[in-house]
Amino acid sequence: MSAQPSPPKAAERQHSAYRGFVAGVFSGVGKLTVGHPFDTIKVRLQTSSTTHFTGPLDCLRQTLQREGLRGLYKGASPPLVGWMFMDSLMLGSLSNYRSLIKTHFYPNHERLPLPAQGASGMLAGWTVSLIAAPVEHVKARLQVQYNARGNREGVKYRGPIDCIKKLYGAHGLRGIYHGLCATLLFRTFFFFWWGSYDLFSRYLATHTSLSTPAINFWAGGLSAQMFWITSYPSDAVKQRIMTDDLDCRRFRNWREAAKGVYREAGWRGYWRFVDCTIFPCDVLVRYAG
């Protein structure tokens, strides 16, 4: 009687080109629900003067007092749809970049080495930037509208569709994609996101008795911190660019925006309130992946 074949190991399972895309849809929904209030506070802190808010809790208090709970979810409509596509494209392209790199550069490796994992993440970050740039641009402009609860006076954009129409009407497609280069630079740091995720996953699998879901969870949280620690200065500059007045621009390019942050607050300006950006939603994205 011939021996029955053993079940395939995880590393030997057939690559699925679609599993990452499906996982990304669910992670996008979870990311919006949990993370958008954190993102609103982050964007407001990054783009306001140093005297506007004393810190994240003060920003939260003022937002709730003046705008109610809806104020924390300003600009949520673009990422409601956008993040599903963004995370789907990111996780799906990440999976396929890993497969391509393994096939062409590491065919005899059971698992990709850390630099290749990081490179896959960086390529996925650049790919998703094509969707992320306009989504984050519209979101940021809506998030920094400080109108009081129920008061529409002086509001430039009535919502995401109105914002898109006005940006396109005044500046064309270039206006909608304003900040694309800053977005590409920011997402270059996905190298550290997915590289560190693989590193932490390997360490926890080797040195602990945690289950696979628990390893994914803790590796996701730790890699989230690595990503934000390395990328936060570029994100601070990106938000300044995306909320700049396109009719009377303060910053003609990324360098001028970076210098503007330094003039206002010195080197600390690039790290202003970084403690409020280790988002719980980042764990969801890595857990889904």
Protein backbone atom coordinates (compact mmCIF):
# COMPACT_ATOMS: atom_id res chain seq x y z
CA MET A 1 0.00 0.00 0.00
CA SER A 2 1.55 3.28 -1.07
CA ALA A 3 2.10 6.02 1.49
CA GLN A 4 -0.38 8.86 1.50
CA PRO A 5 1.10 12.24 0.56
CA SER A 6 1.51 14.58 3.50
CA PRO A 7 -0.40 17.86 3.49
CA PRO A 8 1.53 20.71 1.86
CA LYS A 9 3.44 23.06 4.10
CA ALA A 10 2.40 26.69 4.26
CA ALA A 11 5.39 27.77 2.20
CA GLU A 12 4.56 25.16 -0.46
CA ARG A 13 0.91 26.04 -0.93
CA GLN A 14 -0.01 27.30 -4.32
CA HIS A 15 0.22 31.07 -4.60
CA SER A 16 -3.16 32.79 -4.85
CA ALA A 17 -3.23 35.99 -6.87
CA TYR A 18 -6.55 37.03 -5.36
CA ARG A 19 -6.42 36.15 -1.66
CA GLY A 20 -4.54 39.35 -0.79
CA PHE A 21 -7.09 41.48 -2.63
CA VAL A 22 -9.99 39.94 -0.69
CA ALA A 23 -8.16 40.34 2.63
CA GLY A 24 -7.54 43.98 1.78
CA VAL A 25 -11.25 44.72 1.38
CA PHE A 26 -12.01 43.54 4.91
CA SER A 27 -8.97 45.28 6.38
CA GLY A 28 -10.04 48.54 4.70
CA VAL A 29 -13.45 48.46 6.37
CA GLY A 30 -11.95 47.73 9.77
CA LYS A 31 -9.29 50.39 9.27
CA LEU A 32 -11.88 53.09 8.58
CA THR A 33 -14.09 52.21 11.55
CA VAL A 34 -11.27 52.12 14.10
CA GLY A 35 -8.67 54.41 12.64
CA HIS A 36 -10.34 57.42 11.05
CA PRO A 37 -10.81 59.43 14.30
CA PHE A 38 -7.09 58.91 15.05
CA ASP A 39 -6.25 60.00 11.52
CA THR A 40 -8.36 63.15 11.82
CA ILE A 41 -6.55 64.16 15.00
CA LYS A 42 -3.18 63.39 13.39
CA VAL A 43 -3.88 65.48 10.30
CA ARG A 44 -5.17 68.42 12.34
CA LEU A 45 -2.13 68.37 14.60
CA GLN A 46 0.26 68.13 11.65
CA THR A 47 -1.29 71.01 9.71
CA SER A 48 -2.23 73.47 12.49
CA SER A 49 -0.06 76.10 14.15
CA THR A 50 1.79 75.15 17.32
CA THR A 51 -0.64 77.25 19.39
CA HIS A 52 -3.90 75.80 18.01
CA PHE A 53 -3.81 72.59 20.07
CA THR A 54 -1.73 71.69 23.12
CA GLY A 55 -1.78 68.01 22.22
CA PRO A 56 -3.87 65.09 20.95
CA LEU A 57 -6.28 65.15 23.88
CA ASP A 58 -6.86 68.89 23.48
CA CYS A 59 -7.50 68.37 19.77
CA LEU A 60 -9.98 65.61 20.59
CA ARG A 61 -11.73 67.78 23.20
CA GLN A 62 -12.04 70.82 20.94
CA THR A 63 -13.25 68.73 18.01
CA LEU A 64 -15.96 67.04 20.08
CA GLN A 65 -17.07 70.31 21.69
CA ARG A 66 -17.35 72.29 18.47
CA GLU A 67 -18.21 69.66 15.89
CA GLY A 68 -19.50 66.63 17.78
CA LEU A 69 -18.63 63.03 17.02
CA ARG A 70 -19.15 63.68 13.31
CA GLY A 71 -16.14 66.00 13.43
CA LEU A 72 -13.86 63.02 14.06
CA TYR A 73 -15.24 61.32 10.95
CA LYS A 74 -14.87 64.29 8.61
CA GLY A 75 -13.50 63.16 5.28
CA ALA A 76 -14.50 59.55 6.02
CA SER A 77 -16.40 59.05 2.77
CA PRO A 78 -13.35 58.97 0.44
CA PRO A 79 -11.50 56.33 2.49
CA LEU A 80 -14.74 54.38 3.05
CA VAL A 81 -14.49 53.35 -0.59
CA GLY A 82 -10.84 54.23 -1.18
CA TRP A 83 -9.31 52.23 1.67
CA MET A 84 -11.10 49.07 0.56
CA PHE A 85 -9.52 49.43 -2.87
CA MET A 86 -6.23 50.73 -1.44
CA ASP A 87 -5.73 47.90 1.04
CA SER A 88 -7.01 45.38 -1.47
CA LEU A 89 -4.52 46.64 -4.06
CA MET A 90 -1.74 46.87 -1.49
CA LEU A 91 -2.12 43.35 -0.08
CA GLY A 92 -2.88 41.87 -3.48
CA SER A 93 0.09 43.52 -5.19
CA LEU A 94 2.31 42.69 -2.21
CA SER A 95 1.46 39.02 -2.58
CA ASN A 96 2.14 39.11 -6.31
CA TYR A 97 5.39 41.09 -5.98
CA ARG A 98 6.60 38.51 -3.46
CA SER A 99 5.76 35.74 -5.90
CA LEU A 100 7.50 37.48 -8.82
CA ILE A 101 10.63 38.26 -6.82
CA LYS A 102 10.81 34.71 -5.51
CA THR A 103 10.34 33.23 -8.99
CA HIS A 104 12.95 35.39 -10.70
CA PHE A 105 15.54 36.00 -7.96
CA TYR A 106 15.11 33.40 -5.21
CA PRO A 107 13.67 30.27 -6.87
CA ASN A 108 15.47 27.93 -4.49
CA HIS A 109 14.55 29.76 -1.28
CA GLU A 110 11.72 28.42 0.84
CA ARG A 111 11.12 31.93 2.16
CA LEU A 112 12.13 35.33 0.83
CA PRO A 113 15.03 37.02 2.66
CA LEU A 114 14.29 40.19 4.59
CA PRO A 115 15.51 42.71 1.94
CA ALA A 116 13.25 41.06 -0.64
CA GLN A 117 10.30 41.26 1.76
CA GLY A 118 11.00 44.96 2.22
CA ALA A 119 11.37 45.53 -1.53
CA SER A 120 8.02 43.81 -2.12
CA GLY A 121 6.41 46.14 0.42
CA MET A 122 7.98 49.21 -1.19
CA LEU A 123 6.75 48.23 -4.65
CA ALA A 124 3.28 47.60 -3.26
CA GLY A 125 3.40 51.03 -1.61
CA TRP A 126 4.26 52.72 -4.88
CA THR A 127 1.50 50.82 -6.66
CA VAL A 128 -1.21 51.78 -4.18
CA SER A 129 -0.11 55.43 -4.28
CA LEU A 130 -1.97 55.83 -7.56
CA ILE A 131 -5.21 55.38 -5.62
CA ALA A 132 -4.01 56.69 -2.27
CA ALA A 133 -2.91 60.14 -3.46
CA PRO A 134 -6.32 61.50 -4.56
CA VAL A 135 -8.15 59.72 -1.71
CA GLU A 136 -5.85 61.15 0.96
CA HIS A 137 -5.83 64.56 -0.73
CA VAL A 138 -9.61 64.93 -0.59
CA LYS A 139 -9.75 63.41 2.91
CA ALA A 140 -7.16 65.83 4.29
CA ARG A 141 -8.91 68.91 2.89
CA LEU A 142 -12.19 67.86 4.49
CA GLN A 143 -10.52 67.03 7.80
CA VAL A 144 -9.09 70.52 8.26
CA GLN A 145 -12.42 72.33 7.83
CA TYR A 146 -13.05 73.58 11.35
CA ASN A 147 -16.71 74.56 11.01
CA ALA A 148 -18.79 74.30 14.15
CA ARG A 149 -21.55 71.72 14.50
CA GLY A 150 -24.33 72.39 11.98
CA ASN A 151 -22.70 75.62 10.76
CA ARG A 152 -21.91 75.60 7.05
CA GLU A 153 -20.89 79.25 6.84
CA GLY A 154 -17.47 79.69 5.31
CA VAL A 155 -17.14 76.00 4.43
CA LYS A 156 -15.26 75.61 1.16
CA TYR A 157 -16.21 72.00 0.46
CA ARG A 158 -19.65 70.58 1.24
CA GLY A 159 -18.40 67.03 0.90
CA PRO A 160 -16.04 64.75 -1.05
CA ILE A 161 -17.89 65.03 -4.37
CA ASP A 162 -17.99 68.82 -4.09
CA CYS A 163 -14.29 68.84 -3.21
CA ILE A 164 -13.41 66.71 -6.25
CA LYS A 165 -15.51 68.89 -8.54
CA LYS A 166 -13.89 72.11 -7.32
CA LEU A 167 -10.36 70.72 -7.46
CA TYR A 168 -10.89 69.37 -10.97
CA GLY A 169 -12.73 72.48 -12.16
CA ALA A 170 -9.98 74.83 -11.00
CA HIS A 171 -6.86 72.73 -11.52
CA GLY A 172 -7.78 69.70 -13.61
CA LEU A 173 -6.49 66.20 -12.96
CA ARG A 174 -3.24 67.64 -11.62
CA GLY A 175 -5.20 69.32 -8.84
CA ILE A 176 -6.79 66.04 -7.76
CA TYR A 177 -3.39 64.32 -7.80
CA HIS A 178 -1.70 67.16 -5.94
CA GLY A 179 0.73 65.52 -3.50
CA LEU A 180 1.37 62.37 -5.56
CA CYS A 181 5.17 62.67 -5.28
CA ALA A 182 4.89 63.19 -1.51
CA THR A 183 2.65 60.12 -1.34
CA LEU A 184 5.16 58.02 -3.29
CA LEU A 185 7.94 59.11 -0.94
CA PHE A 186 5.84 58.37 2.14
CA ARG A 187 4.97 54.90 0.89
CA THR A 188 8.59 54.11 0.13
CA PHE A 189 8.81 53.43 3.87
CA PHE A 190 6.58 50.41 3.36
CA PHE A 191 9.99 48.75 2.99
CA PHE A 192 10.32 48.96 6.79
CA TRP A 193 6.68 48.01 7.32
CA TRP A 194 6.78 44.64 5.56
CA GLY A 195 10.44 44.00 6.16
CA SER A 196 10.03 44.36 9.91
CA TYR A 197 6.76 42.40 9.82
CA ASP A 198 8.61 39.43 8.37
CA LEU A 199 11.45 39.87 10.87
CA PHE A 200 9.11 39.97 13.88
CA SER A 201 7.06 37.07 12.54
CA ARG A 202 10.13 34.88 12.22
CA TYR A 203 11.40 35.82 15.68
CA LEU A 204 8.07 35.16 17.41
CA ALA A 205 7.59 31.87 15.58
CA THR A 206 11.07 30.70 16.63
CA HIS A 207 11.28 32.01 20.19
CA THR A 208 7.69 31.81 21.47
CA SER A 209 4.85 29.30 21.57
CA LEU A 210 2.27 31.81 20.30
CA SER A 211 -0.36 30.66 17.83
CA THR A 212 -0.21 31.86 14.23
CA PRO A 213 -3.02 34.44 14.69
CA ALA A 214 -1.30 35.78 17.81
CA ILE A 215 2.03 36.02 15.97
CA ASN A 216 0.33 37.92 13.13
CA PHE A 217 -1.26 40.29 15.64
CA TRP A 218 1.88 41.10 17.63
CA ALA A 219 4.12 41.26 14.57
CA GLY A 220 1.58 43.62 13.03
CA GLY A 221 1.62 45.93 16.03
CA LEU A 222 5.40 46.04 16.23
CA SER A 223 5.84 46.56 12.48
CA ALA A 224 3.29 49.39 12.64
CA GLN A 225 5.53 51.19 15.10
CA MET A 226 8.58 50.63 12.93
CA PHE A 227 6.73 52.02 9.92
CA TRP A 228 5.52 55.18 11.64
CA ILE A 229 8.83 55.86 13.36
CA THR A 230 10.60 55.83 10.01
CA SER A 231 7.89 57.48 7.88
CA TYR A 232 6.39 60.11 10.18
CA PRO A 233 8.53 63.09 9.05
CA SER A 234 7.59 62.46 5.41
CA ASP A 235 3.93 62.16 6.42
CA ALA A 236 4.07 65.51 8.24
CA VAL A 237 5.40 67.16 5.08
CA LYS A 238 2.87 65.33 2.90
CA GLN A 239 -0.06 66.66 4.92
CA ARG A 240 1.22 70.22 4.60
CA ILE A 241 1.36 69.81 0.83
CA MET A 242 -2.10 68.25 0.58
CA THR A 243 -3.77 70.97 2.65
CA ASP A 244 -1.96 73.84 0.93
CA ASP A 245 -4.18 76.42 -0.81
CA LEU A 246 -3.86 75.61 -4.50
CA ASP A 247 -5.06 79.07 -5.49
CA CYS A 248 -2.30 80.73 -3.47
CA ARG A 249 0.31 78.07 -2.81
CA ARG A 250 2.78 78.39 0.04
CA PHE A 251 4.83 75.40 -1.10
CA ARG A 252 5.85 74.86 -4.72
CA ASN A 253 7.48 71.51 -3.99
CA TRP A 254 8.32 68.98 -1.29
CA ARG A 255 11.53 70.75 -0.27
CA GLU A 256 9.73 74.04 0.41
CA ALA A 257 7.11 72.23 2.51
CA ALA A 258 9.85 70.50 4.51
CA LYS A 259 11.58 73.83 5.09
CA GLY A 260 8.25 75.34 6.16
CA VAL A 261 7.83 72.71 8.85
CA TYR A 262 11.36 73.38 10.09
CA ARG A 263 10.84 77.17 10.17
CA GLU A 264 7.74 76.79 12.34
CA ALA A 265 8.95 74.25 14.87
CA GLY A 266 12.50 73.15 14.10
CA TRP A 267 13.35 69.46 13.98
CA ARG A 268 10.59 68.72 16.46
CA GLY A 269 8.07 69.78 13.85
CA TYR A 270 8.76 66.63 11.84
CA TRP A 271 7.93 64.50 14.90
CA ARG A 272 5.10 66.59 16.31
CA PHE A 273 2.72 64.34 18.29
CA VAL A 274 4.10 61.17 16.74
CA ASP A 275 2.73 59.31 19.78
CA CYS A 276 -0.84 59.58 18.46
CA THR A 277 -0.06 57.93 15.11
CA ILE A 278 0.63 54.35 16.16
CA PHE A 279 -2.84 53.49 14.93
CA PRO A 280 -4.77 50.45 16.11
CA CYS A 281 -5.99 50.16 12.51
CA ASP A 282 -2.46 49.37 11.31
CA VAL A 283 -2.63 46.16 13.30
CA LEU A 284 -5.81 45.25 11.39
CA VAL A 285 -4.10 45.65 8.03
CA ARG A 286 -1.17 43.43 8.98
CA TYR A 287 -3.45 40.91 10.70
CA ALA A 288 -5.53 40.65 7.52
CA GLY A 289 -2.38 40.18 5.46
